[in-house]
Every structure is written in structure tokens, then in C-alpha cells.
């Protein structure tokens, strides 16, 4: 689930601004203590930038789902999603 409407707007705005500025670092490091909402923020940003066509791929870890708690599936999942979206990447892969 994502952020409740109207919450976390400052950090969401900062991350979305970063996602649209291709001159900035290709990595945005979101950190914080366990339970502070990092996954919720990441989910919300992913949904928003996906809707704008800016999301290449995503993977969310979860202890509750077998296919999301296996670290060996992260790179194959991301590669599949990127290959699906970008034909040039697909050819190189």
C-alpha cells in the first residue's frame, strides 16, 4: 500500500523531482529506521513515476510472499521488466 493522500508530500516531491532530473545522480538513497515508512514511500513513488512513464523496473522485498523474499529473484525480475520496456536492452540482454 502507498502513502495516504496528503501525507509525506515533502519527501515524495523531493524524490519525484529527482526522478525527472536526468542530470542528477542515477541513485536516490532513501534510508531510515525500520518501520518509518520507506517501503510505503517507495511504493507511492513507483506508482506515480510509472504513471508518468518514468519507471524502468521495480522490485519490493516482502517476508509475506515467497517470490518477493528470495534475493536471487531481484536481478532476474528487474532484467525482465527492463527488457520488456526497452527493446535495445532486450537485444543486449
N, C-alpha and C. Protein backbone atom coordinates (compact mmCIF):
# COMPACT_ATOMS: atom_id res chain seq x y z
N UNK A 1 0.84 -1.18 0.00
CA UNK A 1 0.00 0.00 0.00
C UNK A 1 0.88 1.24 0.00
N UNK A 2 0.37 2.28 -0.62
CA UNK A 2 1.12 3.52 -0.70
C UNK A 2 0.77 4.47 0.44
N UNK A 3 1.35 5.65 0.36
CA UNK A 3 1.10 6.69 1.37
C UNK A 3 -0.36 7.16 1.30
N UNK A 4 -0.89 7.52 2.43
CA UNK A 4 -2.22 8.11 2.45
C UNK A 4 -2.18 9.46 1.74
N UNK A 5 -3.24 9.78 1.05
CA UNK A 5 -3.32 11.04 0.30
C UNK A 5 -3.00 12.22 1.24
N UNK A 6 -2.11 13.08 0.76
CA UNK A 6 -1.76 14.27 1.53
C UNK A 6 -0.65 14.08 2.54
N UNK A 7 -0.14 12.85 2.69
CA UNK A 7 0.94 12.61 3.64
C UNK A 7 2.27 12.46 2.91
N UNK A 8 3.34 12.70 3.60
CA UNK A 8 4.70 12.53 3.08
C UNK A 8 4.97 13.36 1.82
N UNK A 9 4.22 14.44 1.63
CA UNK A 9 4.34 15.23 0.40
C UNK A 9 5.72 15.83 0.20
N UNK A 10 6.40 16.23 1.26
CA UNK A 10 7.72 16.83 1.12
C UNK A 10 8.71 15.84 0.53
N UNK A 11 8.80 14.66 1.13
CA UNK A 11 9.76 13.67 0.64
C UNK A 11 9.33 13.13 -0.72
N UNK A 12 8.04 12.95 -0.95
CA UNK A 12 7.57 12.48 -2.25
C UNK A 12 7.91 13.48 -3.35
N UNK A 13 7.72 14.75 -3.07
CA UNK A 13 8.04 15.80 -4.03
C UNK A 13 9.54 15.82 -4.34
N UNK A 14 10.35 15.66 -3.31
CA UNK A 14 11.81 15.65 -3.48
C UNK A 14 12.23 14.48 -4.37
N UNK A 15 11.69 13.30 -4.13
CA UNK A 15 12.05 12.12 -4.92
C UNK A 15 11.53 12.24 -6.35
N UNK A 16 10.31 12.72 -6.51
CA UNK A 16 9.76 12.88 -7.86
C UNK A 16 10.53 13.92 -8.66
N UNK A 17 10.99 14.97 -8.01
CA UNK A 17 11.82 15.97 -8.68
C UNK A 17 13.13 15.34 -9.13
N UNK A 18 13.73 14.54 -8.27
CA UNK A 18 14.96 13.82 -8.62
C UNK A 18 14.71 12.90 -9.82
N UNK A 19 13.59 12.21 -9.84
CA UNK A 19 13.29 11.25 -10.91
C UNK A 19 13.16 11.92 -12.27
N UNK A 20 12.81 13.18 -12.28
CA UNK A 20 12.62 13.92 -13.54
C UNK A 20 13.86 14.69 -13.98
N UNK A 21 14.89 14.74 -13.14
CA UNK A 21 16.11 15.49 -13.44
C UNK A 21 17.22 14.51 -13.82
N UNK A 22 17.43 14.34 -15.11
CA UNK A 22 18.39 13.35 -15.59
C UNK A 22 19.84 13.80 -15.43
N UNK A 23 20.06 15.00 -14.92
CA UNK A 23 21.41 15.48 -14.63
C UNK A 23 21.86 15.06 -13.23
N UNK A 24 20.94 14.65 -12.41
CA UNK A 24 21.27 14.24 -11.04
C UNK A 24 21.77 12.81 -11.02
N UNK A 25 22.27 12.40 -9.88
CA UNK A 25 22.77 11.04 -9.68
C UNK A 25 21.69 10.03 -10.07
N UNK A 26 22.06 8.90 -10.66
CA UNK A 26 21.06 7.90 -11.03
C UNK A 26 20.51 7.10 -9.84
N UNK A 27 21.02 7.38 -8.65
CA UNK A 27 20.59 6.65 -7.45
C UNK A 27 20.08 7.65 -6.42
N UNK A 28 18.89 7.36 -5.89
CA UNK A 28 18.35 8.13 -4.77
C UNK A 28 18.33 7.19 -3.58
N UNK A 29 19.06 7.52 -2.54
CA UNK A 29 19.18 6.65 -1.38
C UNK A 29 18.17 7.09 -0.33
N UNK A 30 17.16 6.27 -0.10
CA UNK A 30 16.14 6.54 0.91
C UNK A 30 16.46 5.65 2.11
N UNK A 31 16.80 6.25 3.22
CA UNK A 31 17.15 5.43 4.38
C UNK A 31 16.42 5.91 5.62
N UNK A 32 16.40 5.07 6.60
CA UNK A 32 15.73 5.38 7.86
C UNK A 32 15.58 4.13 8.69
N UNK A 33 15.15 4.30 9.91
CA UNK A 33 14.96 3.17 10.81
C UNK A 33 13.82 2.27 10.32
N UNK A 34 13.84 1.04 10.74
CA UNK A 34 12.77 0.10 10.41
C UNK A 34 11.44 0.66 10.88
N UNK A 35 10.43 0.53 10.02
CA UNK A 35 9.09 0.95 10.40
C UNK A 35 8.79 2.43 10.19
N UNK A 36 9.70 3.16 9.54
CA UNK A 36 9.48 4.59 9.37
C UNK A 36 8.79 4.95 8.06
N UNK A 37 8.47 3.95 7.24
CA UNK A 37 7.70 4.20 6.04
C UNK A 37 8.47 4.22 4.73
N UNK A 38 9.69 3.73 4.73
CA UNK A 38 10.49 3.74 3.50
C UNK A 38 9.82 2.95 2.38
N UNK A 39 9.33 1.77 2.68
CA UNK A 39 8.68 0.94 1.66
C UNK A 39 7.39 1.59 1.16
N UNK A 40 6.67 2.21 2.05
CA UNK A 40 5.43 2.90 1.66
C UNK A 40 5.74 4.07 0.74
N UNK A 41 6.78 4.82 1.06
CA UNK A 41 7.19 5.93 0.21
C UNK A 41 7.64 5.41 -1.15
N UNK A 42 8.46 4.36 -1.15
CA UNK A 42 8.95 3.79 -2.40
C UNK A 42 7.79 3.28 -3.26
N UNK A 43 6.81 2.66 -2.64
CA UNK A 43 5.64 2.17 -3.38
C UNK A 43 4.89 3.33 -4.02
N UNK A 44 4.68 4.39 -3.27
CA UNK A 44 3.96 5.56 -3.79
C UNK A 44 4.72 6.20 -4.95
N UNK A 45 6.02 6.39 -4.78
CA UNK A 45 6.83 6.98 -5.84
C UNK A 45 6.79 6.09 -7.08
N UNK A 46 6.93 4.79 -6.89
CA UNK A 46 6.90 3.87 -8.03
C UNK A 46 5.58 3.97 -8.79
N UNK A 47 4.49 4.03 -8.08
CA UNK A 47 3.19 4.16 -8.74
C UNK A 47 3.09 5.47 -9.52
N UNK A 48 3.56 6.54 -8.92
CA UNK A 48 3.47 7.85 -9.57
C UNK A 48 4.36 7.94 -10.80
N UNK A 49 5.62 7.51 -10.68
CA UNK A 49 6.52 7.64 -11.83
C UNK A 49 6.19 6.60 -12.90
N UNK A 50 5.61 5.47 -12.51
CA UNK A 50 5.14 4.50 -13.51
C UNK A 50 4.04 5.15 -14.35
N UNK A 51 3.14 5.83 -13.69
CA UNK A 51 2.04 6.52 -14.38
C UNK A 51 2.54 7.58 -15.34
N UNK A 52 3.72 8.13 -15.06
CA UNK A 52 4.32 9.16 -15.93
C UNK A 52 5.27 8.55 -16.96
N UNK A 53 5.41 7.23 -16.95
CA UNK A 53 6.30 6.55 -17.90
C UNK A 53 7.77 6.64 -17.55
N UNK A 54 8.10 6.98 -16.31
CA UNK A 54 9.49 7.15 -15.91
C UNK A 54 10.09 5.94 -15.20
N UNK A 55 9.28 4.96 -14.86
CA UNK A 55 9.79 3.81 -14.11
C UNK A 55 10.23 2.71 -15.06
N UNK A 56 11.51 2.35 -14.97
CA UNK A 56 12.01 1.27 -15.81
C UNK A 56 11.65 -0.09 -15.22
N UNK A 57 11.84 -0.25 -13.92
CA UNK A 57 11.58 -1.53 -13.27
C UNK A 57 11.51 -1.31 -11.75
N UNK A 58 10.92 -2.27 -11.07
CA UNK A 58 10.88 -2.19 -9.61
C UNK A 58 10.80 -3.58 -9.02
N UNK A 59 11.23 -3.68 -7.77
CA UNK A 59 11.15 -4.93 -7.03
C UNK A 59 11.01 -4.56 -5.56
N UNK A 60 10.03 -5.13 -4.90
CA UNK A 60 9.83 -4.88 -3.48
C UNK A 60 9.96 -6.19 -2.72
N UNK A 61 10.83 -6.21 -1.73
CA UNK A 61 11.00 -7.39 -0.90
C UNK A 61 9.87 -7.47 0.12
N UNK A 62 9.48 -8.70 0.45
CA UNK A 62 8.43 -8.91 1.44
C UNK A 62 8.60 -10.30 2.05
N UNK A 63 8.52 -10.37 3.33
CA UNK A 63 8.60 -11.67 4.00
C UNK A 63 7.34 -12.49 3.79
N UNK A 64 6.25 -11.83 3.41
CA UNK A 64 4.95 -12.49 3.30
C UNK A 64 4.74 -13.25 2.00
N UNK A 65 5.58 -13.01 0.98
CA UNK A 65 5.40 -13.64 -0.31
C UNK A 65 6.69 -14.33 -0.74
N UNK A 66 6.60 -15.60 -1.06
CA UNK A 66 7.79 -16.38 -1.40
C UNK A 66 8.56 -15.79 -2.58
N UNK A 67 7.84 -15.30 -3.58
CA UNK A 67 8.51 -14.75 -4.76
C UNK A 67 9.08 -13.36 -4.51
N UNK A 68 8.85 -12.80 -3.34
CA UNK A 68 9.39 -11.48 -3.02
C UNK A 68 10.36 -11.50 -1.84
N UNK A 69 10.68 -12.69 -1.34
CA UNK A 69 11.63 -12.74 -0.24
C UNK A 69 12.90 -13.50 -0.63
N UNK A 70 13.03 -13.81 -1.91
CA UNK A 70 14.20 -14.51 -2.42
C UNK A 70 15.10 -13.50 -3.12
N UNK A 71 16.25 -13.21 -2.52
CA UNK A 71 17.15 -12.22 -3.09
C UNK A 71 17.64 -12.60 -4.48
N UNK A 72 17.64 -13.87 -4.80
CA UNK A 72 18.09 -14.32 -6.12
C UNK A 72 17.13 -13.91 -7.23
N UNK A 73 15.95 -13.48 -6.88
CA UNK A 73 14.97 -13.08 -7.90
C UNK A 73 15.01 -11.60 -8.23
N UNK A 74 15.76 -10.81 -7.47
CA UNK A 74 15.78 -9.37 -7.71
C UNK A 74 16.30 -9.04 -9.10
N UNK A 75 17.50 -9.48 -9.43
CA UNK A 75 18.08 -9.11 -10.73
C UNK A 75 17.34 -9.72 -11.92
N UNK A 76 16.95 -11.00 -11.86
CA UNK A 76 16.16 -11.52 -12.99
C UNK A 76 14.84 -10.77 -13.19
N UNK A 77 14.20 -10.38 -12.09
CA UNK A 77 12.94 -9.63 -12.19
C UNK A 77 13.17 -8.27 -12.83
N UNK A 78 14.19 -7.57 -12.36
CA UNK A 78 14.49 -6.26 -12.93
C UNK A 78 14.90 -6.38 -14.40
N UNK A 79 15.70 -7.39 -14.73
CA UNK A 79 16.12 -7.59 -16.12
C UNK A 79 14.92 -7.87 -17.01
N UNK A 80 14.00 -8.69 -16.55
CA UNK A 80 12.79 -8.98 -17.32
C UNK A 80 11.98 -7.72 -17.58
N UNK A 81 11.76 -6.94 -16.53
CA UNK A 81 10.96 -5.72 -16.68
C UNK A 81 11.63 -4.72 -17.62
N UNK A 82 12.95 -4.56 -17.49
CA UNK A 82 13.67 -3.63 -18.37
C UNK A 82 13.66 -4.12 -19.82
N UNK A 83 13.82 -5.42 -20.01
CA UNK A 83 13.79 -5.98 -21.37
C UNK A 83 12.41 -5.81 -22.00
N UNK A 84 11.39 -5.90 -21.20
CA UNK A 84 10.03 -5.72 -21.70
C UNK A 84 9.80 -4.28 -22.14
N UNK A 85 10.35 -3.33 -21.39
CA UNK A 85 10.11 -1.92 -21.68
C UNK A 85 11.05 -1.35 -22.74
N UNK A 86 12.29 -1.82 -22.76
CA UNK A 86 13.31 -1.23 -23.64
C UNK A 86 13.84 -2.28 -24.62
N UNK A 87 13.43 -2.21 -25.90
CA UNK A 87 13.89 -3.18 -26.89
C UNK A 87 15.42 -3.24 -27.05
N UNK A 88 16.08 -2.12 -26.93
CA UNK A 88 17.54 -2.12 -27.05
C UNK A 88 18.17 -2.91 -25.91
N UNK A 89 17.65 -2.74 -24.70
CA UNK A 89 18.12 -3.50 -23.56
C UNK A 89 17.85 -4.99 -23.78
N UNK A 90 16.66 -5.29 -24.28
CA UNK A 90 16.27 -6.68 -24.55
C UNK A 90 17.28 -7.32 -25.51
N UNK A 91 17.66 -6.62 -26.57
CA UNK A 91 18.62 -7.16 -27.54
C UNK A 91 19.97 -7.40 -26.90
N UNK A 92 20.40 -6.47 -26.07
CA UNK A 92 21.70 -6.61 -25.41
C UNK A 92 21.68 -7.74 -24.38
N UNK A 93 20.57 -7.92 -23.74
CA UNK A 93 20.44 -8.95 -22.71
C UNK A 93 20.48 -10.32 -23.36
